[in-house]
Amino acid sequence: MNKKILIIDDDKFLLDMYAMKFSGKDFDIETSQSASDSLAKIVGGYHPDVVLLDLVMPGFDGFAFLEEVQKKKLVPETKIIVFSNLGQKDDIEKVMKLGAAGYIIKASSTPSEVVSKVNQIVGR
């Protein structure tokens, strides 16, 4: 059975590329260029198995998304994997405290490595 993945990134090029990478790997893909739109989708009843979340976005960013999801316990079964170029120890510790299941640094991972890491984290 396919896993549902929600990829959140304000970069349309990256969204399209990762949607293509995950499409052949038994994932049903939803993409969003906005953390606030993604939160609304989840509040509205969409429950992905995995969220691949960028941190740096205009307005409502990935940190705010994580805080809101945790505070309201919106998707307790969902594995949220942060996918960012922010690689500082403080940033990584902060998102892990907010309940992220993993942290992938964009600049040091190829698209294929990202798919592999996501599969590892979700236990496939």
N, C-alpha and C. Protein backbone atom coordinates (compact mmCIF):
# COMPACT_ATOMS: atom_id res chain seq x y z
N MET A 1 0.84 -1.19 0.00
CA MET A 1 0.00 0.00 0.00
C MET A 1 0.88 1.25 0.00
N ASN A 2 0.51 2.21 -0.80
CA ASN A 2 1.30 3.44 -0.89
C ASN A 2 1.17 4.28 0.38
N LYS A 3 2.27 4.94 0.73
CA LYS A 3 2.27 5.89 1.84
C LYS A 3 1.95 7.26 1.27
N LYS A 4 1.20 8.05 2.03
CA LYS A 4 0.90 9.41 1.61
C LYS A 4 2.00 10.34 2.13
N ILE A 5 2.57 11.11 1.21
CA ILE A 5 3.61 12.06 1.59
C ILE A 5 3.18 13.47 1.18
N LEU A 6 3.37 14.40 2.08
CA LEU A 6 3.11 15.82 1.82
C LEU A 6 4.46 16.52 1.81
N ILE A 7 4.81 17.11 0.67
CA ILE A 7 6.09 17.81 0.54
C ILE A 7 5.80 19.31 0.58
N ILE A 8 6.39 20.00 1.55
CA ILE A 8 6.14 21.43 1.74
C ILE A 8 7.44 22.19 1.51
N ASP A 9 7.46 23.00 0.46
CA ASP A 9 8.64 23.81 0.14
C ASP A 9 8.18 24.97 -0.73
N ASP A 10 8.68 26.16 -0.48
CA ASP A 10 8.26 27.31 -1.29
C ASP A 10 8.95 27.35 -2.65
N ASP A 11 9.89 26.46 -2.89
CA ASP A 11 10.61 26.40 -4.15
C ASP A 11 9.90 25.41 -5.10
N LYS A 12 9.21 25.95 -6.11
CA LYS A 12 8.41 25.14 -7.03
C LYS A 12 9.27 24.11 -7.77
N PHE A 13 10.48 24.50 -8.17
CA PHE A 13 11.37 23.59 -8.87
C PHE A 13 11.68 22.36 -8.00
N LEU A 14 12.04 22.61 -6.72
CA LEU A 14 12.34 21.49 -5.81
C LEU A 14 11.10 20.63 -5.56
N LEU A 15 9.95 21.27 -5.40
CA LEU A 15 8.71 20.51 -5.19
C LEU A 15 8.48 19.55 -6.35
N ASP A 16 8.58 20.06 -7.57
CA ASP A 16 8.34 19.22 -8.74
C ASP A 16 9.35 18.09 -8.83
N MET A 17 10.61 18.41 -8.56
CA MET A 17 11.66 17.40 -8.65
C MET A 17 11.43 16.29 -7.61
N TYR A 18 11.13 16.66 -6.38
CA TYR A 18 10.92 15.64 -5.35
C TYR A 18 9.62 14.88 -5.55
N ALA A 19 8.61 15.53 -6.07
CA ALA A 19 7.36 14.82 -6.39
C ALA A 19 7.66 13.73 -7.42
N MET A 20 8.46 14.06 -8.41
CA MET A 20 8.83 13.08 -9.43
C MET A 20 9.66 11.95 -8.81
N LYS A 21 10.61 12.29 -7.95
CA LYS A 21 11.47 11.28 -7.31
C LYS A 21 10.66 10.30 -6.46
N PHE A 22 9.68 10.82 -5.70
CA PHE A 22 8.90 9.95 -4.82
C PHE A 22 7.80 9.19 -5.57
N SER A 23 7.39 9.69 -6.73
CA SER A 23 6.24 9.08 -7.43
C SER A 23 6.50 7.63 -7.84
N GLY A 24 7.72 7.29 -8.17
CA GLY A 24 8.00 5.92 -8.54
C GLY A 24 8.36 5.03 -7.38
N LYS A 25 8.17 5.51 -6.15
CA LYS A 25 8.62 4.78 -4.96
C LYS A 25 7.48 4.44 -4.00
N ASP A 26 6.31 4.14 -4.54
CA ASP A 26 5.15 3.75 -3.72
C ASP A 26 4.69 4.83 -2.75
N PHE A 27 4.69 6.06 -3.21
CA PHE A 27 4.16 7.17 -2.41
C PHE A 27 3.05 7.86 -3.19
N ASP A 28 1.99 8.24 -2.51
CA ASP A 28 0.98 9.14 -3.06
C ASP A 28 1.40 10.52 -2.62
N ILE A 29 1.60 11.41 -3.59
CA ILE A 29 2.24 12.69 -3.31
C ILE A 29 1.27 13.85 -3.33
N GLU A 30 1.39 14.69 -2.32
CA GLU A 30 0.74 16.00 -2.29
C GLU A 30 1.88 16.99 -2.13
N THR A 31 1.79 18.12 -2.80
CA THR A 31 2.81 19.15 -2.63
C THR A 31 2.14 20.46 -2.24
N SER A 32 2.91 21.30 -1.58
CA SER A 32 2.42 22.60 -1.19
C SER A 32 3.58 23.57 -1.10
N GLN A 33 3.36 24.80 -1.56
CA GLN A 33 4.38 25.83 -1.47
C GLN A 33 4.19 26.69 -0.23
N SER A 34 3.26 26.29 0.65
CA SER A 34 2.95 27.11 1.81
C SER A 34 2.68 26.25 3.05
N ALA A 35 3.36 26.57 4.13
CA ALA A 35 3.14 25.84 5.38
C ALA A 35 1.73 26.11 5.92
N SER A 36 1.24 27.34 5.77
CA SER A 36 -0.10 27.64 6.29
C SER A 36 -1.18 26.91 5.49
N ASP A 37 -1.03 26.81 4.15
CA ASP A 37 -1.98 26.03 3.35
C ASP A 37 -1.93 24.55 3.74
N SER A 38 -0.74 24.06 4.00
CA SER A 38 -0.58 22.65 4.41
C SER A 38 -1.26 22.40 5.74
N LEU A 39 -1.10 23.34 6.67
CA LEU A 39 -1.75 23.20 7.98
C LEU A 39 -3.26 23.18 7.81
N ALA A 40 -3.78 24.04 6.96
CA ALA A 40 -5.23 24.07 6.71
C ALA A 40 -5.71 22.74 6.12
N LYS A 41 -4.91 22.16 5.24
CA LYS A 41 -5.25 20.87 4.62
C LYS A 41 -5.32 19.78 5.69
N ILE A 42 -4.36 19.79 6.63
CA ILE A 42 -4.33 18.81 7.72
C ILE A 42 -5.50 19.02 8.67
N VAL A 43 -5.77 20.26 9.04
CA VAL A 43 -6.91 20.56 9.91
C VAL A 43 -8.21 20.10 9.23
N GLY A 44 -8.23 20.22 7.90
CA GLY A 44 -9.40 19.80 7.13
C GLY A 44 -9.56 18.30 6.97
N GLY A 45 -8.61 17.53 7.50
CA GLY A 45 -8.78 16.07 7.49
C GLY A 45 -7.77 15.28 6.69
N TYR A 46 -6.86 15.92 5.99
CA TYR A 46 -5.84 15.20 5.24
C TYR A 46 -4.77 14.74 6.23
N HIS A 47 -4.52 13.43 6.27
CA HIS A 47 -3.54 12.89 7.21
C HIS A 47 -2.48 12.09 6.47
N PRO A 48 -1.37 12.76 6.12
CA PRO A 48 -0.30 12.05 5.43
C PRO A 48 0.46 11.14 6.38
N ASP A 49 1.12 10.14 5.82
CA ASP A 49 1.98 9.27 6.62
C ASP A 49 3.31 9.98 6.91
N VAL A 50 3.71 10.82 5.94
CA VAL A 50 5.00 11.51 6.02
C VAL A 50 4.81 12.96 5.57
N VAL A 51 5.47 13.88 6.27
CA VAL A 51 5.57 15.27 5.81
C VAL A 51 7.05 15.57 5.64
N LEU A 52 7.42 16.03 4.45
CA LEU A 52 8.78 16.49 4.19
C LEU A 52 8.69 18.01 4.20
N LEU A 53 9.30 18.62 5.21
CA LEU A 53 9.05 20.03 5.53
C LEU A 53 10.29 20.90 5.42
N ASP A 54 10.21 21.92 4.57
CA ASP A 54 11.26 22.94 4.52
C ASP A 54 11.03 23.87 5.72
N LEU A 55 12.09 24.47 6.23
CA LEU A 55 11.96 25.40 7.36
C LEU A 55 11.84 26.85 6.93
N VAL A 56 12.65 27.24 5.95
CA VAL A 56 12.71 28.64 5.57
C VAL A 56 11.71 28.92 4.45
N MET A 57 10.62 29.59 4.82
CA MET A 57 9.58 29.98 3.87
C MET A 57 9.06 31.34 4.30
N PRO A 58 8.56 32.11 3.34
CA PRO A 58 8.01 33.42 3.72
C PRO A 58 6.78 33.28 4.63
N GLY A 59 6.64 34.21 5.55
CA GLY A 59 5.46 34.19 6.43
C GLY A 59 5.52 33.05 7.43
N PHE A 60 4.53 32.20 7.39
CA PHE A 60 4.39 31.06 8.29
C PHE A 60 5.41 30.00 7.89
N ASP A 61 6.49 29.87 8.67
CA ASP A 61 7.59 28.98 8.26
C ASP A 61 7.45 27.56 8.83
N GLY A 62 8.46 26.75 8.56
CA GLY A 62 8.44 25.36 9.00
C GLY A 62 8.46 25.20 10.51
N PHE A 63 9.16 26.10 11.21
CA PHE A 63 9.16 26.05 12.69
C PHE A 63 7.74 26.27 13.21
N ALA A 64 7.06 27.28 12.66
CA ALA A 64 5.69 27.60 13.10
C ALA A 64 4.75 26.43 12.78
N PHE A 65 4.94 25.80 11.63
CA PHE A 65 4.14 24.64 11.25
C PHE A 65 4.31 23.52 12.28
N LEU A 66 5.57 23.21 12.60
CA LEU A 66 5.86 22.15 13.58
C LEU A 66 5.25 22.47 14.94
N GLU A 67 5.41 23.72 15.38
CA GLU A 67 4.86 24.12 16.68
C GLU A 67 3.35 23.94 16.72
N GLU A 68 2.68 24.34 15.66
CA GLU A 68 1.22 24.26 15.59
C GLU A 68 0.75 22.81 15.56
N VAL A 69 1.40 21.99 14.76
CA VAL A 69 1.04 20.57 14.65
C VAL A 69 1.21 19.87 16.00
N GLN A 70 2.31 20.18 16.70
CA GLN A 70 2.57 19.55 18.00
C GLN A 70 1.60 20.04 19.06
N LYS A 71 1.41 21.35 19.11
CA LYS A 71 0.55 21.95 20.14
C LYS A 71 -0.87 21.40 20.05
N LYS A 72 -1.37 21.25 18.82
CA LYS A 72 -2.75 20.79 18.63
C LYS A 72 -2.85 19.28 18.41
N LYS A 73 -1.69 18.59 18.45
CA LYS A 73 -1.66 17.14 18.24
C LYS A 73 -2.47 16.74 17.00
N LEU A 74 -2.18 17.41 15.89
CA LEU A 74 -2.98 17.23 14.67
C LEU A 74 -2.72 15.91 13.95
N VAL A 75 -1.50 15.50 13.87
CA VAL A 75 -1.18 14.26 13.14
C VAL A 75 -0.16 13.44 13.93
N PRO A 76 -0.59 12.89 15.06
CA PRO A 76 0.36 12.19 15.94
C PRO A 76 1.05 10.99 15.29
N GLU A 77 0.41 10.37 14.29
CA GLU A 77 1.00 9.19 13.64
C GLU A 77 1.92 9.56 12.48
N THR A 78 1.89 10.82 12.06
CA THR A 78 2.66 11.26 10.90
C THR A 78 4.12 11.48 11.26
N LYS A 79 5.00 10.99 10.40
CA LYS A 79 6.44 11.25 10.57
C LYS A 79 6.76 12.55 9.84
N ILE A 80 7.17 13.56 10.60
CA ILE A 80 7.54 14.83 9.99
C ILE A 80 9.06 14.88 9.88
N ILE A 81 9.53 15.00 8.65
CA ILE A 81 10.96 15.03 8.38
C ILE A 81 11.32 16.41 7.87
N VAL A 82 12.19 17.08 8.58
CA VAL A 82 12.62 18.41 8.17
C VAL A 82 13.66 18.27 7.08
N PHE A 83 13.51 19.14 6.09
CA PHE A 83 14.32 19.10 4.88
C PHE A 83 14.75 20.53 4.59
N SER A 84 15.95 20.88 5.03
CA SER A 84 16.33 22.29 5.01
C SER A 84 17.82 22.47 4.75
N ASN A 85 18.18 23.68 4.38
CA ASN A 85 19.60 24.01 4.29
C ASN A 85 20.13 24.55 5.61
N LEU A 86 19.25 24.78 6.57
CA LEU A 86 19.70 25.18 7.90
C LEU A 86 20.32 23.96 8.56
N GLY A 87 21.60 24.02 8.82
CA GLY A 87 22.27 22.85 9.37
C GLY A 87 22.89 23.09 10.74
N GLN A 88 22.56 24.23 11.35
CA GLN A 88 23.11 24.53 12.67
C GLN A 88 22.58 23.56 13.70
N LYS A 89 23.43 23.22 14.65
CA LYS A 89 23.06 22.29 15.73
C LYS A 89 21.79 22.79 16.46
N ASP A 90 21.71 24.10 16.71
CA ASP A 90 20.54 24.67 17.41
C ASP A 90 19.25 24.43 16.62
N ASP A 91 19.31 24.62 15.31
CA ASP A 91 18.12 24.40 14.48
C ASP A 91 17.69 22.94 14.52
N ILE A 92 18.66 22.06 14.41
CA ILE A 92 18.36 20.62 14.41
C ILE A 92 17.77 20.22 15.77
N GLU A 93 18.37 20.68 16.86
CA GLU A 93 17.85 20.35 18.20
C GLU A 93 16.44 20.89 18.39
N LYS A 94 16.20 22.11 17.90
CA LYS A 94 14.88 22.73 18.06
C LYS A 94 13.79 21.90 17.35
N VAL A 95 14.04 21.49 16.11
CA VAL A 95 13.01 20.73 15.40
C VAL A 95 12.83 19.33 15.99
N MET A 96 13.90 18.75 16.49
CA MET A 96 13.75 17.43 17.10
C MET A 96 12.92 17.53 18.39
N LYS A 97 13.11 18.62 19.14
CA LYS A 97 12.29 18.85 20.34
C LYS A 97 10.83 19.07 19.97
N LEU A 98 10.60 19.63 18.79
CA LEU A 98 9.23 19.88 18.32
C LEU A 98 8.60 18.63 17.70
N GLY A 99 9.30 17.52 17.76
CA GLY A 99 8.70 16.26 17.33
C GLY A 99 9.07 15.77 15.95
N ALA A 100 10.04 16.40 15.30
CA ALA A 100 10.45 15.90 13.98
C ALA A 100 11.04 14.51 14.11
N ALA A 101 10.77 13.67 13.11
CA ALA A 101 11.28 12.30 13.13
C ALA A 101 12.66 12.20 12.49
N GLY A 102 13.07 13.25 11.79
CA GLY A 102 14.37 13.23 11.14
C GLY A 102 14.71 14.59 10.58
N TYR A 103 15.96 14.74 10.17
CA TYR A 103 16.44 16.02 9.65
C TYR A 103 17.38 15.73 8.49
N ILE A 104 17.05 16.28 7.33
CA ILE A 104 17.87 16.09 6.14
C ILE A 104 18.35 17.47 5.68
N ILE A 105 19.65 17.61 5.49
CA ILE A 105 20.19 18.87 4.99
C ILE A 105 20.20 18.79 3.46
N LYS A 106 19.43 19.69 2.83
CA LYS A 106 19.26 19.68 1.37
C LYS A 106 20.58 19.68 0.63
N ALA A 107 21.45 20.60 0.99
CA ALA A 107 22.68 20.81 0.22
C ALA A 107 23.60 19.60 0.23
N SER A 108 23.47 18.74 1.23
CA SER A 108 24.39 17.60 1.30
C SER A 108 23.71 16.27 0.97
N SER A 109 22.54 16.32 0.33
CA SER A 109 21.84 15.09 -0.03
C SER A 109 21.34 15.16 -1.47
N THR A 110 21.57 14.10 -2.22
CA THR A 110 21.01 14.02 -3.57
C THR A 110 19.53 13.65 -3.44
N PRO A 111 18.72 13.90 -4.47
CA PRO A 111 17.31 13.48 -4.40
C PRO A 111 17.13 12.00 -4.09
N SER A 112 17.96 11.16 -4.66
CA SER A 112 17.85 9.71 -4.37
C SER A 112 18.17 9.41 -2.91
N GLU A 113 19.15 10.11 -2.34
CA GLU A 113 19.48 9.93 -0.92
C GLU A 113 18.33 10.38 -0.03
N VAL A 114 17.65 11.46 -0.44
CA VAL A 114 16.50 11.94 0.34
C VAL A 114 15.42 10.86 0.36
N VAL A 115 15.12 10.27 -0.78
CA VAL A 115 14.11 9.21 -0.85
C VAL A 115 14.53 8.04 0.05
N SER A 116 15.81 7.66 0.01
CA SER A 116 16.31 6.56 0.85
C SER A 116 16.17 6.89 2.33
N LYS A 117 16.55 8.13 2.71
CA LYS A 117 16.46 8.53 4.13
C LYS A 117 15.01 8.53 4.60
N VAL A 118 14.10 9.02 3.76
CA VAL A 118 12.68 9.04 4.12
C VAL A 118 12.20 7.59 4.32
N ASN A 119 12.56 6.70 3.42
CA ASN A 119 12.17 5.30 3.56
C ASN A 119 12.74 4.68 4.83
N GLN A 120 13.98 5.02 5.19
CA GLN A 120 14.58 4.52 6.44
C GLN A 120 13.77 5.00 7.64
N ILE A 121 13.43 6.29 7.64
CA ILE A 121 12.73 6.87 8.80
C ILE A 121 11.33 6.29 8.95
N VAL A 122 10.66 6.02 7.83
CA VAL A 122 9.31 5.45 7.93
C VAL A 122 9.33 3.92 8.02
N GLY A 123 10.54 3.36 8.05
CA GLY A 123 10.67 1.92 8.28
C GLY A 123 10.36 1.05 7.08
N ARG A 124 10.81 1.49 5.90
CA ARG A 124 10.60 0.68 4.69
C ARG A 124 11.92 0.32 4.07
